[in-house]
Each structure stands twice: as structure tokens, then as C-alpha cells.
Amino acid sequence: MDNFDSNTSRRFSSLARLYGEAANQVLAQSPVMLAGIGGVGSWAVEALARSGVGQLTLADLDHVAESNINRQVHALESTVGMAKVQAMRERIALINPDCQVNLIDDFIDAENIAPLLAQYQPDLLLDCTDQVQAKVAMLLAAREAKIGFYMCGGAGGKTDALSLKQTDIAHARNDNLLGRIRTILRKQYGFAKGSDAHGKALKKVPAMKVKCFWFDQPAQLPSLWQNQTAAQAEAEAQVQAAGQAQAQNQAQAEGPILATSQLNTLAQVQAQAQAASPVQAPQGLSCAGYGSSVMVTASMGLALANSAIHELIQNRARM
């Protein structure tokens, strides 16, 4: 697309006044791939489309569910049951009919990411997924292909949209998802560590050169988890008390170690403690597992798109 037609020019005239007409041309010629079209990714795609990005490749195998309506921009009564990538393509067509939208109706993994990058050749790869191995695979493939890359941390369980940060992954905190990825990168792939050879923390943690977004706020656990955690603690205390009683009986010089009734009581308490173990998140570290708010997911998605737009413009300016 060498020149905007009159309709497109009017559609994005406000951006031309903000960034310059040349920037509009750059964005119209820029291909971007985004994986994970959910609470964060759908808002990022929306912003990229409204910024005149000319080619968007969307990857996700999920379908719109009613539970997505509170936080995902493509989730409407009319789109429930539709593939998320398809729902997003139809929405983009209403925003910018000139945008070329490629759909990957699949989850990204270590097997398919390199061929997909080779096929679509994006200038940027934006990771909005919540799966550790997929995120690691995308990062490594993007580095190998010398493609710009941004990674999003967890938005589930967060309530303070103003705590959003963009930093190197080495400096992210209060994010279990990024913490796990950071450990994998350091242990398995030789990324810069935060401690010396003796395990002592470095005063200045070296950057790992992975740009990421995260919320500087501890995740809020659902009440179900909190209640079960409290129940587990109480049950474990009962097991400890019963074990102490058993030890005292064993220390006595005469008589059986424990009466049958005492053994039964201890076994019951142990069984109760095991039953009280906290449940796992329905979808691990995802928004669905923790619970999430559109104010949080949208703010991350829009901030991601903002960084992507600026990088696309700046990179072309350097060429």
C-alpha cells in the first residue's frame, strides 16, 4: 500500500497529525503477529487496527465464551461460540477494511512458531498468552529470527491498572508467570543471572533483554482458594498435634505405643489435611483461574499496542 486512498486517509487523519503522514505510511506497511486473543490480546489487536497497522496475524485456538464478556473486546452476545480469531477479524474489517488479517486457528508452541514466523515474516511478535512453554518458545524463536518481541505477564488476580510496568523481565516482580519463565531462561538457556557463582544476589541485576509488561501488585486469590488454604493450615496443625501425642506415648516405658482409637483419630486427621489441599487454578496462571477485570486487561493490551506502534515507527525511521 504505497498511498492511502481518501477514505483511509480520513480514517487515520488524527494519527497523521500526531505522528506525521510518513508514520501512517509506515504503519500501513507493517506486519505484526500476535498470539493469544483474549483479555489482553484482543485489546492490543483493537488498538493496532485503529492505528492503521496494515497486516495483522492472529493466533489462538480458543472460542468466545460467555465468561469472556467481562474483559475481551470481541466477546459479545452475538459472538459467543465463535473462534476468537474469526470474531476479531470481523471486528477489524469494520475498523479498517484495508487491513490484511491472517488467522492461525491454533495455539502457538515450540513446534509451529518458527515455521509461522518464516511464513508471515512479522516486524513484531506480541505474546499475550498465559502458557509458560509457549512464551519461552516464542521468545527463543523471535530472537533466532531477529524479530522484535514483547511478552505480557499475568493479568489475572490484579485490580490496580495503574500498577502496570514495562521493564526487562529481570526486574519484574509480583508476577508468578514471568518469574517461572525467568527461572527457565536462566537455568536452561544461559540468560544473565541475578546471582553470582555462590548464589549471592547481585547488587545490580543484569538485564536479560526481554521486554515485558507486568503489574506491580500481588495477585488477589479467589475466596475459594483462601478458604481452602485456611482449612489446610488448620488440618495440618491438627496432624502436628496428633503426631506429638503419638511421640509422647512412644516415650512411655510401658503399654502400647498408641491405642487403636488414637491411631484411627490420627489417620482421620491426616486424611482431612490431605482433602483440604488447595485446588489448582482452573487454567493455571490465567485470567480465568484467578479472576480478572477489563480495566486491568485492557490497560495492558493498550500499553502493549502503544509500545509496538512506537517501535514500528522508530525502526522504519532508522532504515
C-alpha atoms as a PDB file:
ATOM      1  CA  MET A   1       0.000   0.000   0.000  1.00  0.00           C
ATOM      2  CA  ASP A   2       2.011   2.968  -1.283  1.00  0.00           C
ATOM      3  CA  ASN A   3      -0.593   5.648  -0.714  1.00  0.00           C
ATOM      4  CA  PHE A   4      -3.693   5.931   1.386  1.00  0.00           C
ATOM      5  CA  ASP A   5      -6.939   6.298  -0.507  1.00  0.00           C
ATOM      6  CA  SER A   6      -9.169   9.178   0.542  1.00  0.00           C
ATOM      7  CA  ASN A   7     -11.320   7.074   2.884  1.00  0.00           C
ATOM      8  CA  THR A   8      -8.326   5.584   4.672  1.00  0.00           C
ATOM      9  CA  SER A   9      -6.644   8.966   4.881  1.00  0.00           C
ATOM     10  CA  ARG A  10      -9.692  10.430   6.598  1.00  0.00           C
ATOM     11  CA  ARG A  11      -9.985   7.380   8.838  1.00  0.00           C
ATOM     12  CA  PHE A  12      -6.480   7.867  10.257  1.00  0.00           C
ATOM     13  CA  SER A  13      -6.057  11.622   9.794  1.00  0.00           C
ATOM     14  CA  SER A  14      -5.805  12.182  13.546  1.00  0.00           C
ATOM     15  CA  LEU A  15      -2.801   9.845  13.709  1.00  0.00           C
ATOM     16  CA  ALA A  16      -1.182  11.672  10.808  1.00  0.00           C
ATOM     17  CA  ARG A  17      -1.422  14.920  12.753  1.00  0.00           C
ATOM     18  CA  LEU A  18       0.048  13.210  15.806  1.00  0.00           C
ATOM     19  CA  TYR A  19       2.848  11.115  14.306  1.00  0.00           C
ATOM     20  CA  GLY A  20       3.133  12.562  10.800  1.00  0.00           C
ATOM     21  CA  GLU A  21       1.919  11.328   7.414  1.00  0.00           C
ATOM     22  CA  ALA A  22       5.085   9.277   6.928  1.00  0.00           C
ATOM     23  CA  ALA A  23       4.327   7.352  10.120  1.00  0.00           C
ATOM     24  CA  ASN A  24       0.884   6.470   8.791  1.00  0.00           C
ATOM     25  CA  GLN A  25       2.503   5.052   5.681  1.00  0.00           C
ATOM     26  CA  VAL A  26       4.920   3.038   7.828  1.00  0.00           C
ATOM     27  CA  LEU A  27       2.140   1.544   9.925  1.00  0.00           C
ATOM     28  CA  ALA A  28       0.110   0.697   6.832  1.00  0.00           C
ATOM     29  CA  GLN A  29       3.051  -1.362   5.564  1.00  0.00           C
ATOM     30  CA  SER A  30       3.900  -3.043   8.879  1.00  0.00           C
ATOM     31  CA  PRO A  31       3.107  -6.709   9.607  1.00  0.00           C
ATOM     32  CA  VAL A  32       2.528  -7.666  13.254  1.00  0.00           C
ATOM     33  CA  MET A  33       1.838 -11.122  14.717  1.00  0.00           C
ATOM     34  CA  LEU A  34       0.012 -11.513  17.997  1.00  0.00           C
ATOM     35  CA  ALA A  35      -0.509 -14.754  19.942  1.00  0.00           C
ATOM     36  CA  GLY A  36      -3.340 -15.055  22.460  1.00  0.00           C
ATOM     37  CA  ILE A  37      -6.518 -13.151  21.517  1.00  0.00           C
ATOM     38  CA  GLY A  38      -8.000 -12.913  24.999  1.00  0.00           C
ATOM     39  CA  GLY A  39      -8.353 -10.315  27.735  1.00  0.00           C
ATOM     40  CA  VAL A  40      -5.046  -8.627  26.866  1.00  0.00           C
ATOM     41  CA  GLY A  41      -4.531  -9.633  23.244  1.00  0.00           C
ATOM     42  CA  SER A  42      -7.943  -8.602  21.940  1.00  0.00           C
ATOM     43  CA  TRP A  43      -7.429  -5.037  23.189  1.00  0.00           C
ATOM     44  CA  ALA A  44      -3.953  -4.905  21.697  1.00  0.00           C
ATOM     45  CA  VAL A  45      -5.315  -6.018  18.322  1.00  0.00           C
ATOM     46  CA  GLU A  46      -8.116  -3.464  18.527  1.00  0.00           C
ATOM     47  CA  ALA A  47      -5.613  -0.664  19.163  1.00  0.00           C
ATOM     48  CA  LEU A  48      -3.291  -1.805  16.371  1.00  0.00           C
ATOM     49  CA  ALA A  49      -6.187  -1.919  13.901  1.00  0.00           C
ATOM     50  CA  ARG A  50      -7.343   1.554  14.974  1.00  0.00           C
ATOM     51  CA  SER A  51      -3.772   2.777  14.491  1.00  0.00           C
ATOM     52  CA  GLY A  52      -3.731   1.741  10.845  1.00  0.00           C
ATOM     53  CA  VAL A  53      -1.412  -1.275  11.038  1.00  0.00           C
ATOM     54  CA  GLY A  54      -1.710  -2.831   7.603  1.00  0.00           C
ATOM     55  CA  GLN A  55      -1.229  -6.527   8.350  1.00  0.00           C
ATOM     56  CA  LEU A  56      -2.190  -8.452  11.493  1.00  0.00           C
ATOM     57  CA  THR A  57      -1.614 -12.160  12.028  1.00  0.00           C
ATOM     58  CA  LEU A  58      -3.679 -13.544  14.904  1.00  0.00           C
ATOM     59  CA  ALA A  59      -3.026 -16.879  16.617  1.00  0.00           C
ATOM     60  CA  ASP A  60      -5.416 -18.600  19.033  1.00  0.00           C
ATOM     61  CA  LEU A  61      -7.390 -21.843  19.078  1.00  0.00           C
ATOM     62  CA  ASP A  62      -9.905 -20.733  21.692  1.00  0.00           C
ATOM     63  CA  HIS A  63     -13.548 -19.781  21.155  1.00  0.00           C
ATOM     64  CA  VAL A  64     -15.506 -16.909  22.667  1.00  0.00           C
ATOM     65  CA  ALA A  65     -17.341 -17.910  25.847  1.00  0.00           C
ATOM     66  CA  GLU A  66     -19.859 -16.035  27.965  1.00  0.00           C
ATOM     67  CA  SER A  67     -17.271 -15.794  30.723  1.00  0.00           C
ATOM     68  CA  ASN A  68     -15.089 -13.714  28.350  1.00  0.00           C
ATOM     69  CA  ILE A  69     -17.638 -10.911  28.012  1.00  0.00           C
ATOM     70  CA  ASN A  70     -16.425  -9.002  31.080  1.00  0.00           C
ATOM     71  CA  ARG A  71     -12.931  -8.342  29.662  1.00  0.00           C
ATOM     72  CA  GLN A  72     -12.442  -9.282  25.989  1.00  0.00           C
ATOM     73  CA  VAL A  73     -13.316  -6.705  23.356  1.00  0.00           C
ATOM     74  CA  HIS A  74     -14.576  -9.204  20.765  1.00  0.00           C
ATOM     75  CA  ALA A  75     -16.746 -11.083  23.288  1.00  0.00           C
ATOM     76  CA  LEU A  76     -20.380 -10.136  22.656  1.00  0.00           C
ATOM     77  CA  GLU A  77     -23.714 -11.907  22.819  1.00  0.00           C
ATOM     78  CA  SER A  78     -23.508 -12.286  19.040  1.00  0.00           C
ATOM     79  CA  THR A  79     -20.002 -13.824  19.030  1.00  0.00           C
ATOM     80  CA  VAL A  80     -20.322 -16.462  21.778  1.00  0.00           C
ATOM     81  CA  GLY A  81     -19.134 -19.776  20.362  1.00  0.00           C
ATOM     82  CA  MET A  82     -17.209 -18.164  17.506  1.00  0.00           C
ATOM     83  CA  ALA A  83     -13.469 -18.701  17.103  1.00  0.00           C
ATOM     84  CA  LYS A  84     -11.713 -15.746  18.726  1.00  0.00           C
ATOM     85  CA  VAL A  85      -9.510 -15.096  15.711  1.00  0.00           C
ATOM     86  CA  GLN A  86     -12.564 -15.031  13.428  1.00  0.00           C
ATOM     87  CA  ALA A  87     -14.503 -12.724  15.747  1.00  0.00           C
ATOM     88  CA  MET A  88     -11.518 -10.396  15.817  1.00  0.00           C
ATOM     89  CA  ARG A  89     -11.122 -10.433  12.028  1.00  0.00           C
ATOM     90  CA  GLU A  90     -14.760  -9.431  11.554  1.00  0.00           C
ATOM     91  CA  ARG A  91     -14.295  -6.612  14.047  1.00  0.00           C
ATOM     92  CA  ILE A  92     -11.129  -5.382  12.307  1.00  0.00           C
ATOM     93  CA  ALA A  93     -12.964  -5.308   8.965  1.00  0.00           C
ATOM     94  CA  LEU A  94     -15.387  -2.775  10.453  1.00  0.00           C
ATOM     95  CA  ILE A  95     -12.488  -0.641  11.728  1.00  0.00           C
ATOM     96  CA  ASN A  96     -10.090  -0.792   8.784  1.00  0.00           C
ATOM     97  CA  PRO A  97     -11.245  -2.764   5.730  1.00  0.00           C
ATOM     98  CA  ASP A  98      -7.804  -2.300   4.173  1.00  0.00           C
ATOM     99  CA  CYS A  99      -6.067  -4.271   6.930  1.00  0.00           C
ATOM    100  CA  GLN A 100      -4.929  -7.734   5.840  1.00  0.00           C
ATOM    101  CA  VAL A 101      -5.777 -10.199   8.602  1.00  0.00           C
ATOM    102  CA  ASN A 102      -4.192 -13.656   8.682  1.00  0.00           C
ATOM    103  CA  LEU A 103      -5.691 -16.264  11.004  1.00  0.00           C
ATOM    104  CA  ILE A 104      -3.849 -19.063  12.758  1.00  0.00           C
ATOM    105  CA  ASP A 105      -6.554 -21.199  14.337  1.00  0.00           C
ATOM    106  CA  ASP A 106      -4.097 -22.937  16.631  1.00  0.00           C
ATOM    107  CA  PHE A 107      -2.145 -22.479  19.846  1.00  0.00           C
ATOM    108  CA  ILE A 108       1.494 -21.461  19.464  1.00  0.00           C
ATOM    109  CA  ASP A 109       4.090 -23.989  20.616  1.00  0.00           C
ATOM    110  CA  ALA A 110       7.721 -24.914  20.118  1.00  0.00           C
ATOM    111  CA  GLU A 111       6.885 -26.965  17.015  1.00  0.00           C
ATOM    112  CA  ASN A 112       4.982 -24.391  14.973  1.00  0.00           C
ATOM    113  CA  ILE A 113       6.355 -20.982  15.941  1.00  0.00           C
ATOM    114  CA  ALA A 114       9.485 -20.949  13.745  1.00  0.00           C
ATOM    115  CA  PRO A 115       7.631 -22.019  10.544  1.00  0.00           C
ATOM    116  CA  LEU A 116       4.899 -19.454  11.256  1.00  0.00           C
ATOM    117  CA  LEU A 117       7.406 -16.644  11.671  1.00  0.00           C
ATOM    118  CA  ALA A 118       9.067 -17.683   8.424  1.00  0.00           C
ATOM    119  CA  GLN A 119       5.704 -17.748   6.648  1.00  0.00           C
ATOM    120  CA  TYR A 120       4.301 -14.413   7.826  1.00  0.00           C
ATOM    121  CA  GLN A 121       7.567 -12.529   8.486  1.00  0.00           C
ATOM    122  CA  PRO A 122       6.231 -10.042  11.038  1.00  0.00           C
ATOM    123  CA  ASP A 123       8.181  -6.992  12.142  1.00  0.00           C
ATOM    124  CA  LEU A 124       6.998  -7.665  15.697  1.00  0.00           C
ATOM    125  CA  LEU A 125       5.746 -10.674  17.648  1.00  0.00           C
ATOM    126  CA  LEU A 126       3.497  -9.848  20.612  1.00  0.00           C
ATOM    127  CA  ASP A 127       2.949 -12.537  23.243  1.00  0.00           C
ATOM    128  CA  CYS A 128      -0.353 -12.326  25.121  1.00  0.00           C
ATOM    129  CA  THR A 129      -0.589 -15.995  26.081  1.00  0.00           C
ATOM    130  CA  ASP A 130      -0.618 -17.487  29.581  1.00  0.00           C
ATOM    131  CA  GLN A 131       1.311 -20.723  28.936  1.00  0.00           C
ATOM    132  CA  VAL A 132       4.917 -20.877  30.112  1.00  0.00           C
ATOM    133  CA  GLN A 133       6.305 -23.160  27.417  1.00  0.00           C
ATOM    134  CA  ALA A 134       4.584 -21.236  24.621  1.00  0.00           C
ATOM    135  CA  LYS A 135       6.025 -17.969  25.890  1.00  0.00           C
ATOM    136  CA  VAL A 136       9.530 -19.390  26.100  1.00  0.00           C
ATOM    137  CA  ALA A 137       9.225 -20.880  22.603  1.00  0.00           C
ATOM    138  CA  MET A 138       8.098 -17.559  21.116  1.00  0.00           C
ATOM    139  CA  LEU A 139      10.901 -15.640  22.780  1.00  0.00           C
ATOM    140  CA  LEU A 140      13.584 -18.027  21.555  1.00  0.00           C
ATOM    141  CA  ALA A 141      12.166 -18.181  18.025  1.00  0.00           C
ATOM    142  CA  ALA A 142      11.864 -14.393  17.776  1.00  0.00           C
ATOM    143  CA  ARG A 143      15.467 -13.942  18.921  1.00  0.00           C
ATOM    144  CA  GLU A 144      16.649 -16.505  16.384  1.00  0.00           C
ATOM    145  CA  ALA A 145      14.729 -14.767  13.589  1.00  0.00           C
ATOM    146  CA  LYS A 146      15.777 -11.283  14.800  1.00  0.00           C
ATOM    147  CA  ILE A 147      12.160 -10.194  15.182  1.00  0.00           C
ATOM    148  CA  GLY A 148      11.085  -7.648  17.783  1.00  0.00           C
ATOM    149  CA  PHE A 149       9.331  -9.288  20.721  1.00  0.00           C
ATOM    150  CA  TYR A 150       7.203  -8.225  23.688  1.00  0.00           C
ATOM    151  CA  MET A 151       5.956 -10.522  26.441  1.00  0.00           C
ATOM    152  CA  CYS A 152       2.956  -9.928  28.702  1.00  0.00           C
ATOM    153  CA  GLY A 153       2.871 -11.171  32.277  1.00  0.00           C
ATOM    154  CA  GLY A 154      -0.198 -12.221  34.213  1.00  0.00           C
ATOM    155  CA  ALA A 155      -3.280 -10.002  34.398  1.00  0.00           C
ATOM    156  CA  GLY A 156      -5.356 -12.430  36.446  1.00  0.00           C
ATOM    157  CA  GLY A 157      -5.872 -11.577  40.092  1.00  0.00           C
ATOM    158  CA  LYS A 158      -4.829  -7.944  39.564  1.00  0.00           C
ATOM    159  CA  THR A 159      -7.031  -4.985  40.456  1.00  0.00           C
ATOM    160  CA  ASP A 160      -4.778  -1.919  40.116  1.00  0.00           C
ATOM    161  CA  ALA A 161      -4.431  -0.901  36.466  1.00  0.00           C
ATOM    162  CA  LEU A 162      -2.127   1.956  37.492  1.00  0.00           C
ATOM    163  CA  SER A 163       0.486  -0.524  38.769  1.00  0.00           C
ATOM    164  CA  LEU A 164       1.337  -1.543  35.180  1.00  0.00           C
ATOM    165  CA  LYS A 165       5.061  -1.556  34.385  1.00  0.00           C
ATOM    166  CA  GLN A 166       7.146  -2.133  31.274  1.00  0.00           C
ATOM    167  CA  THR A 167      10.661  -3.340  32.062  1.00  0.00           C
ATOM    168  CA  ASP A 168      13.167  -6.044  31.317  1.00  0.00           C
ATOM    169  CA  ILE A 169      11.980  -9.405  32.638  1.00  0.00           C
ATOM    170  CA  ALA A 170      14.927  -9.424  35.066  1.00  0.00           C
ATOM    171  CA  HIS A 171      13.253  -6.646  37.041  1.00  0.00           C
ATOM    172  CA  ALA A 172       9.660  -7.942  37.047  1.00  0.00           C
ATOM    173  CA  ARG A 173       8.124  -8.790  40.412  1.00  0.00           C
ATOM    174  CA  ASN A 174       4.754  -9.849  41.805  1.00  0.00           C
ATOM    175  CA  ASP A 175       4.261 -11.959  38.681  1.00  0.00           C
ATOM    176  CA  ASN A 176       4.441 -15.732  39.081  1.00  0.00           C
ATOM    177  CA  LEU A 177       4.198 -16.311  35.342  1.00  0.00           C
ATOM    178  CA  LEU A 178       7.197 -14.143  34.473  1.00  0.00           C
ATOM    179  CA  GLY A 179       9.058 -15.479  37.488  1.00  0.00           C
ATOM    180  CA  ARG A 180       8.773 -19.039  36.217  1.00  0.00           C
ATOM    181  CA  ILE A 181       9.877 -18.005  32.732  1.00  0.00           C
ATOM    182  CA  ARG A 182      12.834 -16.081  34.133  1.00  0.00           C
ATOM    183  CA  THR A 183      13.992 -19.176  36.033  1.00  0.00           C
ATOM    184  CA  ILE A 184      13.725 -21.354  32.921  1.00  0.00           C
ATOM    185  CA  LEU A 185      15.650 -18.853  30.799  1.00  0.00           C
ATOM    186  CA  ARG A 186      18.455 -18.631  33.333  1.00  0.00           C
ATOM    187  CA  LYS A 187      18.748 -22.338  34.106  1.00  0.00           C
ATOM    188  CA  GLN A 188      18.174 -23.832  30.668  1.00  0.00           C
ATOM    189  CA  TYR A 189      19.163 -21.179  28.141  1.00  0.00           C
ATOM    190  CA  GLY A 190      22.032 -19.280  29.702  1.00  0.00           C
ATOM    191  CA  PHE A 191      20.345 -15.910  30.190  1.00  0.00           C
ATOM    192  CA  ALA A 192      22.003 -13.449  32.576  1.00  0.00           C
ATOM    193  CA  LYS A 193      21.506 -14.476  36.207  1.00  0.00           C
ATOM    194  CA  GLY A 194      20.665 -12.355  39.220  1.00  0.00           C
ATOM    195  CA  SER A 195      23.228 -14.018  41.490  1.00  0.00           C
ATOM    196  CA  ASP A 196      26.921 -14.874  41.439  1.00  0.00           C
ATOM    197  CA  ALA A 197      28.515 -18.333  41.303  1.00  0.00           C
ATOM    198  CA  HIS A 198      27.989 -18.725  45.057  1.00  0.00           C
ATOM    199  CA  GLY A 199      24.279 -17.913  44.884  1.00  0.00           C
ATOM    200  CA  LYS A 200      24.666 -14.435  46.363  1.00  0.00           C
ATOM    201  CA  ALA A 201      22.268 -11.881  44.891  1.00  0.00           C
ATOM    202  CA  LEU A 202      23.945  -9.250  42.739  1.00  0.00           C
ATOM    203  CA  LYS A 203      23.552  -5.620  43.776  1.00  0.00           C
ATOM    204  CA  LYS A 204      22.737  -4.714  40.193  1.00  0.00           C
ATOM    205  CA  VAL A 205      20.742  -7.387  38.399  1.00  0.00           C
ATOM    206  CA  PRO A 206      21.800  -7.566  34.729  1.00  0.00           C
ATOM    207  CA  ALA A 207      19.166  -7.186  32.041  1.00  0.00           C
ATOM    208  CA  MET A 208      18.043 -10.314  30.192  1.00  0.00           C
ATOM    209  CA  LYS A 209      16.965  -8.292  27.135  1.00  0.00           C
ATOM    210  CA  VAL A 210      13.361  -9.465  27.246  1.00  0.00           C
ATOM    211  CA  LYS A 211      10.824  -6.620  27.147  1.00  0.00           C
ATOM    212  CA  CYS A 212       7.751  -7.361  29.194  1.00  0.00           C
ATOM    213  CA  PHE A 213       4.653  -5.867  30.806  1.00  0.00           C
ATOM    214  CA  TRP A 214       3.586  -6.694  34.352  1.00  0.00           C
ATOM    215  CA  PHE A 215       1.549  -5.377  37.267  1.00  0.00           C
ATOM    216  CA  ASP A 216       3.436  -4.460  40.425  1.00  0.00           C
ATOM    217  CA  GLN A 217       0.735  -5.872  42.659  1.00  0.00           C
ATOM    218  CA  PRO A 218       0.392  -9.259  44.395  1.00  0.00           C
ATOM    219  CA  ALA A 219      -2.317 -11.386  42.801  1.00  0.00           C
ATOM    220  CA  GLN A 220      -5.610 -11.481  44.697  1.00  0.00           C
ATOM    221  CA  LEU A 221      -6.533 -15.095  45.380  1.00  0.00           C
ATOM    222  CA  PRO A 222     -10.161 -16.163  44.870  1.00  0.00           C
ATOM    223  CA  SER A 223     -12.073 -16.686  48.124  1.00  0.00           C
ATOM    224  CA  LEU A 224     -12.317 -20.422  47.393  1.00  0.00           C
ATOM    225  CA  TRP A 225      -8.531 -20.731  47.445  1.00  0.00           C
ATOM    226  CA  GLN A 226      -8.243 -18.587  50.565  1.00  0.00           C
ATOM    227  CA  ASN A 227     -10.814 -20.686  52.411  1.00  0.00           C
ATOM    228  CA  GLN A 228      -9.148 -23.940  51.395  1.00  0.00           C
ATOM    229  CA  THR A 229      -5.714 -22.625  52.327  1.00  0.00           C
ATOM    230  CA  ALA A 230      -7.001 -21.743  55.793  1.00  0.00           C
ATOM    231  CA  ALA A 231      -8.638 -25.166  56.115  1.00  0.00           C
ATOM    232  CA  GLN A 232      -5.392 -26.856  55.090  1.00  0.00           C
ATOM    233  CA  ALA A 233      -3.422 -24.909  57.703  1.00  0.00           C
ATOM    234  CA  GLU A 234      -5.885 -25.907  60.422  1.00  0.00           C
ATOM    235  CA  ALA A 235      -5.816 -29.556  59.375  1.00  0.00           C
ATOM    236  CA  GLU A 236      -2.007 -29.583  59.282  1.00  0.00           C
ATOM    237  CA  ALA A 237      -1.950 -28.143  62.811  1.00  0.00           C
ATOM    238  CA  GLN A 238      -4.204 -30.997  63.930  1.00  0.00           C
ATOM    239  CA  VAL A 239      -1.883 -33.537  62.316  1.00  0.00           C
ATOM    240  CA  GLN A 240       1.081 -31.989  64.099  1.00  0.00           C
ATOM    241  CA  ALA A 241      -0.728 -32.098  67.437  1.00  0.00           C
ATOM    242  CA  ALA A 242      -1.731 -35.725  66.892  1.00  0.00           C
ATOM    243  CA  GLY A 243       1.852 -36.595  65.950  1.00  0.00           C
ATOM    244  CA  GLN A 244       3.128 -35.005  69.138  1.00  0.00           C
ATOM    245  CA  ALA A 245       0.652 -37.078  71.144  1.00  0.00           C
ATOM    246  CA  GLN A 246       1.927 -40.205  69.405  1.00  0.00           C
ATOM    247  CA  ALA A 247       5.524 -39.314  70.234  1.00  0.00           C
ATOM    248  CA  GLN A 248       4.642 -38.817  73.884  1.00  0.00           C
ATOM    249  CA  ASN A 249       3.021 -42.246  74.043  1.00  0.00           C
ATOM    250  CA  GLN A 250       6.054 -43.823  72.429  1.00  0.00           C
ATOM    251  CA  ALA A 251       8.240 -42.278  75.083  1.00  0.00           C
ATOM    252  CA  GLN A 252       6.334 -44.000  77.863  1.00  0.00           C
ATOM    253  CA  ALA A 253       8.044 -47.055  79.283  1.00  0.00           C
ATOM    254  CA  GLU A 254       5.074 -49.392  79.325  1.00  0.00           C
ATOM    255  CA  GLY A 255       1.947 -50.073  77.346  1.00  0.00           C
ATOM    256  CA  PRO A 256       1.139 -49.966  73.632  1.00  0.00           C
ATOM    257  CA  ILE A 257       2.523 -47.083  71.593  1.00  0.00           C
ATOM    258  CA  LEU A 258      -0.941 -45.834  70.699  1.00  0.00           C
ATOM    259  CA  ALA A 259      -4.358 -47.182  71.394  1.00  0.00           C
ATOM    260  CA  THR A 260      -6.346 -48.295  68.335  1.00  0.00           C
ATOM    261  CA  SER A 261      -8.762 -45.398  68.814  1.00  0.00           C
ATOM    262  CA  GLN A 262      -5.839 -42.933  68.848  1.00  0.00           C
ATOM    263  CA  LEU A 263      -4.415 -44.427  65.646  1.00  0.00           C
ATOM    264  CA  ASN A 264      -7.796 -44.091  63.969  1.00  0.00           C
ATOM    265  CA  THR A 265      -8.028 -40.446  65.068  1.00  0.00           C
ATOM    266  CA  LEU A 266      -4.581 -39.666  63.671  1.00  0.00           C
ATOM    267  CA  ALA A 267      -5.438 -41.331  60.361  1.00  0.00           C
ATOM    268  CA  GLN A 268      -8.662 -39.328  60.139  1.00  0.00           C
ATOM    269  CA  VAL A 269      -6.873 -36.045  60.804  1.00  0.00           C
ATOM    270  CA  GLN A 270      -4.257 -36.827  58.154  1.00  0.00           C
ATOM    271  CA  ALA A 271      -6.982 -37.645  55.645  1.00  0.00           C
ATOM    272  CA  GLN A 272      -8.726 -34.365  56.434  1.00  0.00           C
ATOM    273  CA  ALA A 273      -5.490 -32.452  55.911  1.00  0.00           C
ATOM    274  CA  GLN A 274      -4.958 -34.107  52.553  1.00  0.00           C
ATOM    275  CA  ALA A 275      -8.517 -33.320  51.496  1.00  0.00           C
ATOM    276  CA  ALA A 276      -8.027 -29.683  52.469  1.00  0.00           C
ATOM    277  CA  SER A 277      -5.165 -29.141  49.993  1.00  0.00           C
ATOM    278  CA  PRO A 278      -5.775 -26.026  47.917  1.00  0.00           C
ATOM    279  CA  VAL A 279      -7.272 -26.541  44.471  1.00  0.00           C
ATOM    280  CA  GLN A 280      -5.300 -25.586  41.410  1.00  0.00           C
ATOM    281  CA  ALA A 281      -6.338 -22.698  39.204  1.00  0.00           C
ATOM    282  CA  PRO A 282      -8.833 -23.837  36.521  1.00  0.00           C
ATOM    283  CA  GLN A 283      -6.392 -22.584  33.877  1.00  0.00           C
ATOM    284  CA  GLY A 284      -3.135 -22.255  35.766  1.00  0.00           C
ATOM    285  CA  LEU A 285      -1.971 -18.637  35.951  1.00  0.00           C
ATOM    286  CA  SER A 286      -4.633 -17.333  33.565  1.00  0.00           C
ATOM    287  CA  CYS A 287      -7.310 -14.691  33.976  1.00  0.00           C
ATOM    288  CA  ALA A 288      -9.954 -17.419  34.110  1.00  0.00           C
ATOM    289  CA  GLY A 289      -8.170 -19.061  37.020  1.00  0.00           C
ATOM    290  CA  TYR A 290      -7.643 -16.005  39.189  1.00  0.00           C
ATOM    291  CA  GLY A 291     -10.491 -13.786  38.048  1.00  0.00           C
ATOM    292  CA  SER A 292      -9.879 -10.575  36.131  1.00  0.00           C
ATOM    293  CA  SER A 293     -11.091  -7.080  35.293  1.00  0.00           C
ATOM    294  CA  VAL A 294     -11.347  -5.334  31.930  1.00  0.00           C
ATOM    295  CA  MET A 295      -9.689  -2.236  33.414  1.00  0.00           C
ATOM    296  CA  VAL A 296      -6.572  -4.325  34.029  1.00  0.00           C
ATOM    297  CA  THR A 297      -6.515  -6.497  30.913  1.00  0.00           C
ATOM    298  CA  ALA A 298      -7.354  -3.612  28.594  1.00  0.00           C
ATOM    299  CA  SER A 299      -4.704  -1.342  30.090  1.00  0.00           C
ATOM    300  CA  MET A 300      -2.031  -3.980  29.473  1.00  0.00           C
ATOM    301  CA  GLY A 301      -3.228  -4.620  25.928  1.00  0.00           C
ATOM    302  CA  LEU A 302      -3.359  -0.920  25.063  1.00  0.00           C
ATOM    303  CA  ALA A 303       0.080  -0.284  26.580  1.00  0.00           C
ATOM    304  CA  LEU A 304       1.458  -3.191  24.559  1.00  0.00           C
ATOM    305  CA  ALA A 305      -0.005  -1.762  21.352  1.00  0.00           C
ATOM    306  CA  ASN A 306       1.407   1.656  22.223  1.00  0.00           C
ATOM    307  CA  SER A 307       4.940   0.262  22.543  1.00  0.00           C
ATOM    308  CA  ALA A 308       4.506  -1.714  19.339  1.00  0.00           C
ATOM    309  CA  ILE A 309       3.373   1.358  17.375  1.00  0.00           C
ATOM    310  CA  HIS A 310       6.303   3.430  18.603  1.00  0.00           C
ATOM    311  CA  GLU A 311       8.805   0.686  17.806  1.00  0.00           C
ATOM    312  CA  LEU A 312       7.417   0.198  14.294  1.00  0.00           C
ATOM    313  CA  ILE A 313       7.681   3.909  13.548  1.00  0.00           C
ATOM    314  CA  GLN A 314      11.148   4.292  15.072  1.00  0.00           C
ATOM    315  CA  ASN A 315      12.558   1.209  13.355  1.00  0.00           C
ATOM    316  CA  ARG A 316      11.446   2.374   9.913  1.00  0.00           C
ATOM    317  CA  ALA A 317      12.828   5.841  10.621  1.00  0.00           C
ATOM    318  CA  ARG A 318      16.280   4.310  11.202  1.00  0.00           C
ATOM    319  CA  MET A 319      16.240   2.451   7.872  1.00  0.00           C
END
